[in-house]
Amino acid sequence: MKKLRTANHDVTLVTAADKLHNLSTLVRDVRRDGPQTMSRFNAPPERVVWYHGAVAEALEAHSANTPVAEIEEVSAKLAALLGLGDSNDLSVVSSEQVQILSPQPS
């Protein structure tokens, strides 16, 4: 996360686009399959939502050139679908505590 704050434009744009795509896919999957779709991650749903909010926060300095507001908006949609409330109100954990947020092997 710390590196994103000072990363160059290409890195921040690709990172933001990737996270926005991932979030959009999660929202689609949760709408289609329900909250159990989150079981494919190694972290609980609130951490997945927190992580994406933390990425948006780290990218804030680049918001003129990256879709930071869109990441925040879709992250809030995901939190609402999961019944987590506002993603900004979730328990904050440090970036060092975040588990790898990749799908579990089937």
N, C-alpha and C. Protein backbone atom coordinates (compact mmCIF):
# COMPACT_ATOMS: atom_id res chain seq x y z
N MET A 1 0.81 -1.19 0.00
CA MET A 1 0.00 0.00 0.00
C MET A 1 0.86 1.27 0.00
N LYS A 2 1.92 1.24 0.77
CA LYS A 2 2.77 2.43 0.85
C LYS A 2 3.34 2.79 -0.51
N LYS A 3 3.71 1.78 -1.29
CA LYS A 3 4.30 2.03 -2.61
C LYS A 3 3.31 2.68 -3.57
N LEU A 4 2.01 2.38 -3.40
CA LEU A 4 1.01 2.96 -4.29
C LEU A 4 0.94 4.47 -4.15
N ARG A 5 1.19 4.97 -2.95
CA ARG A 5 1.09 6.41 -2.72
C ARG A 5 2.07 7.20 -3.58
N THR A 6 3.21 6.58 -3.88
CA THR A 6 4.24 7.29 -4.64
C THR A 6 4.55 6.63 -5.99
N ALA A 7 3.75 5.67 -6.38
CA ALA A 7 3.99 4.96 -7.64
C ALA A 7 3.75 5.89 -8.82
N ASN A 8 4.32 5.50 -9.96
CA ASN A 8 4.13 6.32 -11.16
C ASN A 8 2.73 6.12 -11.73
N HIS A 9 2.38 6.98 -12.66
CA HIS A 9 1.03 7.00 -13.24
C HIS A 9 0.63 5.66 -13.83
N ASP A 10 1.51 5.02 -14.57
CA ASP A 10 1.15 3.74 -15.20
C ASP A 10 0.80 2.68 -14.16
N VAL A 11 1.58 2.60 -13.11
CA VAL A 11 1.34 1.62 -12.05
C VAL A 11 0.01 1.90 -11.35
N THR A 12 -0.23 3.16 -11.02
CA THR A 12 -1.47 3.48 -10.31
C THR A 12 -2.70 3.26 -11.19
N LEU A 13 -2.58 3.57 -12.47
CA LEU A 13 -3.72 3.38 -13.36
C LEU A 13 -4.04 1.91 -13.55
N VAL A 14 -3.03 1.09 -13.76
CA VAL A 14 -3.25 -0.35 -13.92
C VAL A 14 -3.78 -0.96 -12.61
N THR A 15 -3.22 -0.56 -11.49
CA THR A 15 -3.69 -1.07 -10.20
C THR A 15 -5.14 -0.69 -9.96
N ALA A 16 -5.47 0.56 -10.20
CA ALA A 16 -6.84 1.02 -10.00
C ALA A 16 -7.81 0.29 -10.92
N ALA A 17 -7.44 0.14 -12.19
CA ALA A 17 -8.32 -0.55 -13.14
C ALA A 17 -8.52 -2.01 -12.72
N ASP A 18 -7.47 -2.65 -12.26
CA ASP A 18 -7.55 -4.04 -11.81
C ASP A 18 -8.47 -4.17 -10.60
N LYS A 19 -8.29 -3.30 -9.61
CA LYS A 19 -9.12 -3.36 -8.39
C LYS A 19 -10.57 -3.05 -8.71
N LEU A 20 -10.80 -2.08 -9.60
CA LEU A 20 -12.17 -1.74 -9.98
C LEU A 20 -12.84 -2.92 -10.69
N HIS A 21 -12.11 -3.57 -11.57
CA HIS A 21 -12.65 -4.75 -12.25
C HIS A 21 -12.95 -5.86 -11.24
N ASN A 22 -12.02 -6.11 -10.33
CA ASN A 22 -12.23 -7.15 -9.32
C ASN A 22 -13.48 -6.86 -8.48
N LEU A 23 -13.61 -5.61 -8.05
CA LEU A 23 -14.78 -5.23 -7.25
C LEU A 23 -16.07 -5.38 -8.03
N SER A 24 -16.06 -4.94 -9.27
CA SER A 24 -17.26 -5.05 -10.11
C SER A 24 -17.66 -6.50 -10.30
N THR A 25 -16.68 -7.36 -10.48
CA THR A 25 -16.95 -8.79 -10.61
C THR A 25 -17.51 -9.36 -9.31
N LEU A 26 -16.96 -8.93 -8.19
CA LEU A 26 -17.48 -9.39 -6.90
C LEU A 26 -18.93 -8.95 -6.69
N VAL A 27 -19.23 -7.71 -7.02
CA VAL A 27 -20.61 -7.22 -6.88
C VAL A 27 -21.53 -8.07 -7.75
N ARG A 28 -21.13 -8.31 -8.98
CA ARG A 28 -21.94 -9.14 -9.88
C ARG A 28 -22.15 -10.53 -9.29
N ASP A 29 -21.08 -11.13 -8.80
CA ASP A 29 -21.16 -12.49 -8.26
C ASP A 29 -22.00 -12.56 -6.99
N VAL A 30 -21.87 -11.56 -6.12
CA VAL A 30 -22.67 -11.55 -4.89
C VAL A 30 -24.15 -11.37 -5.24
N ARG A 31 -24.43 -10.52 -6.21
CA ARG A 31 -25.83 -10.35 -6.63
C ARG A 31 -26.39 -11.64 -7.21
N ARG A 32 -25.58 -12.32 -7.99
CA ARG A 32 -26.03 -13.54 -8.67
C ARG A 32 -26.06 -14.74 -7.73
N ASP A 33 -25.01 -14.93 -6.93
CA ASP A 33 -24.84 -16.15 -6.15
C ASP A 33 -25.01 -15.97 -4.64
N GLY A 34 -25.14 -14.74 -4.20
CA GLY A 34 -25.29 -14.48 -2.78
C GLY A 34 -23.96 -14.30 -2.06
N PRO A 35 -24.01 -13.94 -0.78
CA PRO A 35 -22.81 -13.66 0.00
C PRO A 35 -21.84 -14.84 0.10
N GLN A 36 -22.33 -16.07 -0.09
CA GLN A 36 -21.44 -17.23 0.02
C GLN A 36 -20.32 -17.19 -1.03
N THR A 37 -20.48 -16.37 -2.06
CA THR A 37 -19.42 -16.25 -3.05
C THR A 37 -18.12 -15.74 -2.43
N MET A 38 -18.23 -15.05 -1.29
CA MET A 38 -17.05 -14.51 -0.63
C MET A 38 -16.20 -15.59 0.03
N SER A 39 -16.72 -16.79 0.14
CA SER A 39 -15.96 -17.89 0.75
C SER A 39 -14.76 -18.30 -0.08
N ARG A 40 -14.68 -17.82 -1.29
CA ARG A 40 -13.53 -18.17 -2.14
C ARG A 40 -12.26 -17.40 -1.75
N PHE A 41 -12.39 -16.47 -0.83
CA PHE A 41 -11.23 -15.70 -0.38
C PHE A 41 -10.68 -16.23 0.94
N ASN A 42 -9.40 -15.95 1.17
CA ASN A 42 -8.73 -16.36 2.39
C ASN A 42 -8.99 -15.39 3.53
N ALA A 43 -9.75 -14.35 3.28
CA ALA A 43 -10.04 -13.34 4.29
C ALA A 43 -11.55 -13.19 4.41
N PRO A 44 -12.02 -12.77 5.58
CA PRO A 44 -13.46 -12.56 5.74
C PRO A 44 -13.93 -11.38 4.87
N PRO A 45 -15.22 -11.33 4.54
CA PRO A 45 -15.74 -10.28 3.66
C PRO A 45 -15.39 -8.86 4.10
N GLU A 46 -15.42 -8.60 5.40
CA GLU A 46 -15.11 -7.24 5.85
C GLU A 46 -13.68 -6.85 5.54
N ARG A 47 -12.77 -7.79 5.55
CA ARG A 47 -11.38 -7.48 5.19
C ARG A 47 -11.23 -7.25 3.69
N VAL A 48 -11.98 -8.00 2.90
CA VAL A 48 -11.94 -7.80 1.45
C VAL A 48 -12.42 -6.38 1.13
N VAL A 49 -13.51 -5.97 1.76
CA VAL A 49 -14.02 -4.62 1.54
C VAL A 49 -13.03 -3.59 2.07
N TRP A 50 -12.50 -3.82 3.26
CA TRP A 50 -11.52 -2.90 3.83
C TRP A 50 -10.32 -2.75 2.91
N TYR A 51 -9.82 -3.87 2.40
CA TYR A 51 -8.64 -3.86 1.53
C TYR A 51 -8.85 -2.94 0.34
N HIS A 52 -10.00 -3.07 -0.32
CA HIS A 52 -10.25 -2.23 -1.49
C HIS A 52 -10.38 -0.76 -1.11
N GLY A 53 -10.95 -0.50 0.05
CA GLY A 53 -11.00 0.88 0.54
C GLY A 53 -9.61 1.42 0.83
N ALA A 54 -8.75 0.57 1.36
CA ALA A 54 -7.37 0.98 1.65
C ALA A 54 -6.60 1.25 0.36
N VAL A 55 -6.87 0.45 -0.66
CA VAL A 55 -6.23 0.71 -1.97
C VAL A 55 -6.69 2.06 -2.49
N ALA A 56 -7.99 2.34 -2.41
CA ALA A 56 -8.50 3.63 -2.87
C ALA A 56 -7.85 4.77 -2.10
N GLU A 57 -7.71 4.59 -0.79
CA GLU A 57 -7.06 5.62 0.02
C GLU A 57 -5.60 5.83 -0.39
N ALA A 58 -4.90 4.74 -0.67
CA ALA A 58 -3.51 4.84 -1.09
C ALA A 58 -3.38 5.51 -2.45
N LEU A 59 -4.40 5.37 -3.28
CA LEU A 59 -4.38 5.97 -4.62
C LEU A 59 -4.92 7.39 -4.65
N GLU A 60 -5.38 7.89 -3.51
CA GLU A 60 -6.05 9.20 -3.45
C GLU A 60 -5.22 10.31 -4.09
N ALA A 61 -3.92 10.29 -3.89
CA ALA A 61 -3.07 11.34 -4.47
C ALA A 61 -3.08 11.32 -5.99
N HIS A 62 -3.54 10.22 -6.56
CA HIS A 62 -3.57 10.07 -8.02
C HIS A 62 -4.99 10.15 -8.56
N SER A 63 -5.92 10.64 -7.76
CA SER A 63 -7.34 10.58 -8.13
C SER A 63 -7.69 11.38 -9.38
N ALA A 64 -6.87 12.32 -9.75
CA ALA A 64 -7.14 13.08 -10.97
C ALA A 64 -6.99 12.21 -12.21
N ASN A 65 -6.17 11.15 -12.10
CA ASN A 65 -5.87 10.32 -13.26
C ASN A 65 -6.26 8.86 -13.10
N THR A 66 -6.84 8.50 -11.97
CA THR A 66 -7.22 7.11 -11.73
C THR A 66 -8.64 7.06 -11.19
N PRO A 67 -9.35 5.95 -11.38
CA PRO A 67 -10.75 5.85 -10.95
C PRO A 67 -10.92 5.56 -9.45
N VAL A 68 -10.36 6.42 -8.61
CA VAL A 68 -10.43 6.23 -7.16
C VAL A 68 -11.88 6.33 -6.67
N ALA A 69 -12.61 7.33 -7.12
CA ALA A 69 -14.00 7.50 -6.68
C ALA A 69 -14.85 6.29 -7.06
N GLU A 70 -14.57 5.73 -8.23
CA GLU A 70 -15.31 4.56 -8.67
C GLU A 70 -15.01 3.35 -7.80
N ILE A 71 -13.75 3.19 -7.39
CA ILE A 71 -13.38 2.10 -6.49
C ILE A 71 -14.13 2.26 -5.17
N GLU A 72 -14.16 3.48 -4.65
CA GLU A 72 -14.88 3.73 -3.39
C GLU A 72 -16.37 3.44 -3.54
N GLU A 73 -16.94 3.83 -4.66
CA GLU A 73 -18.37 3.62 -4.89
C GLU A 73 -18.72 2.14 -4.99
N VAL A 74 -17.94 1.38 -5.76
CA VAL A 74 -18.23 -0.04 -5.92
C VAL A 74 -17.91 -0.80 -4.63
N SER A 75 -16.91 -0.37 -3.89
CA SER A 75 -16.60 -0.97 -2.60
C SER A 75 -17.77 -0.77 -1.64
N ALA A 76 -18.37 0.41 -1.65
CA ALA A 76 -19.54 0.68 -0.80
C ALA A 76 -20.72 -0.19 -1.23
N LYS A 77 -20.89 -0.40 -2.54
CA LYS A 77 -21.96 -1.28 -3.03
C LYS A 77 -21.75 -2.69 -2.51
N LEU A 78 -20.51 -3.18 -2.59
CA LEU A 78 -20.21 -4.52 -2.10
C LEU A 78 -20.50 -4.62 -0.61
N ALA A 79 -20.05 -3.64 0.15
CA ALA A 79 -20.30 -3.64 1.60
C ALA A 79 -21.80 -3.68 1.89
N ALA A 80 -22.58 -2.90 1.15
CA ALA A 80 -24.02 -2.88 1.35
C ALA A 80 -24.65 -4.23 1.01
N LEU A 81 -24.22 -4.82 -0.09
CA LEU A 81 -24.75 -6.13 -0.48
C LEU A 81 -24.45 -7.20 0.57
N LEU A 82 -23.32 -7.05 1.23
CA LEU A 82 -22.91 -8.02 2.24
C LEU A 82 -23.44 -7.67 3.63
N GLY A 83 -24.16 -6.56 3.72
CA GLY A 83 -24.72 -6.15 5.00
C GLY A 83 -23.66 -5.62 5.96
N LEU A 84 -22.61 -5.07 5.42
CA LEU A 84 -21.51 -4.59 6.26
C LEU A 84 -21.61 -3.10 6.55
N GLY A 85 -22.55 -2.42 5.97
CA GLY A 85 -22.65 -0.98 6.18
C GLY A 85 -21.60 -0.26 5.37
N ASP A 86 -21.27 0.92 5.79
CA ASP A 86 -20.29 1.76 5.12
C ASP A 86 -18.90 1.16 5.28
N SER A 87 -18.20 0.99 4.16
CA SER A 87 -16.86 0.38 4.22
C SER A 87 -15.90 1.23 5.04
N ASN A 88 -16.17 2.53 5.19
CA ASN A 88 -15.30 3.37 6.00
C ASN A 88 -15.49 3.14 7.49
N ASP A 89 -16.61 2.51 7.86
CA ASP A 89 -16.89 2.26 9.27
C ASP A 89 -16.39 0.90 9.75
N LEU A 90 -15.80 0.13 8.87
CA LEU A 90 -15.34 -1.21 9.24
C LEU A 90 -14.12 -1.10 10.14
N SER A 91 -13.88 -2.13 10.91
CA SER A 91 -12.70 -2.16 11.76
C SER A 91 -11.46 -2.02 10.90
N VAL A 92 -10.61 -1.12 11.28
CA VAL A 92 -9.41 -0.86 10.50
C VAL A 92 -8.30 -1.77 11.00
N VAL A 93 -7.66 -2.41 10.06
CA VAL A 93 -6.48 -3.21 10.36
C VAL A 93 -5.35 -2.66 9.52
N SER A 94 -4.14 -2.81 9.96
CA SER A 94 -3.02 -2.28 9.21
C SER A 94 -2.78 -3.12 7.96
N SER A 95 -2.15 -2.51 6.98
CA SER A 95 -1.88 -3.22 5.74
C SER A 95 -0.99 -4.43 5.98
N GLU A 96 -0.19 -4.40 7.04
CA GLU A 96 0.66 -5.54 7.36
C GLU A 96 -0.17 -6.74 7.83
N GLN A 97 -1.38 -6.48 8.35
CA GLN A 97 -2.23 -7.55 8.86
C GLN A 97 -3.12 -8.17 7.78
N VAL A 98 -3.19 -7.54 6.63
CA VAL A 98 -4.09 -8.04 5.58
C VAL A 98 -3.55 -9.34 5.03
N GLN A 99 -4.42 -10.34 4.97
CA GLN A 99 -4.04 -11.60 4.37
C GLN A 99 -4.07 -11.44 2.86
N ILE A 100 -3.43 -12.34 2.17
CA ILE A 100 -3.51 -12.33 0.72
C ILE A 100 -4.97 -12.51 0.33
N LEU A 101 -5.48 -11.64 -0.49
CA LEU A 101 -6.88 -11.67 -0.85
C LEU A 101 -7.07 -12.30 -2.22
N SER A 102 -6.60 -13.52 -2.35
CA SER A 102 -6.75 -14.22 -3.61
C SER A 102 -7.72 -15.39 -3.41
N PRO A 103 -8.38 -15.76 -4.51
CA PRO A 103 -9.31 -16.90 -4.38
C PRO A 103 -8.59 -18.15 -3.90
N GLN A 104 -9.31 -18.94 -3.10
CA GLN A 104 -8.77 -20.21 -2.63
C GLN A 104 -8.83 -21.21 -3.76
N PRO A 105 -7.86 -22.11 -3.87
CA PRO A 105 -7.91 -23.14 -4.92
C PRO A 105 -9.13 -24.03 -4.72
N SER A 106 -9.71 -24.46 -5.82
CA SER A 106 -10.88 -25.34 -5.73
C SER A 106 -10.48 -26.78 -5.55
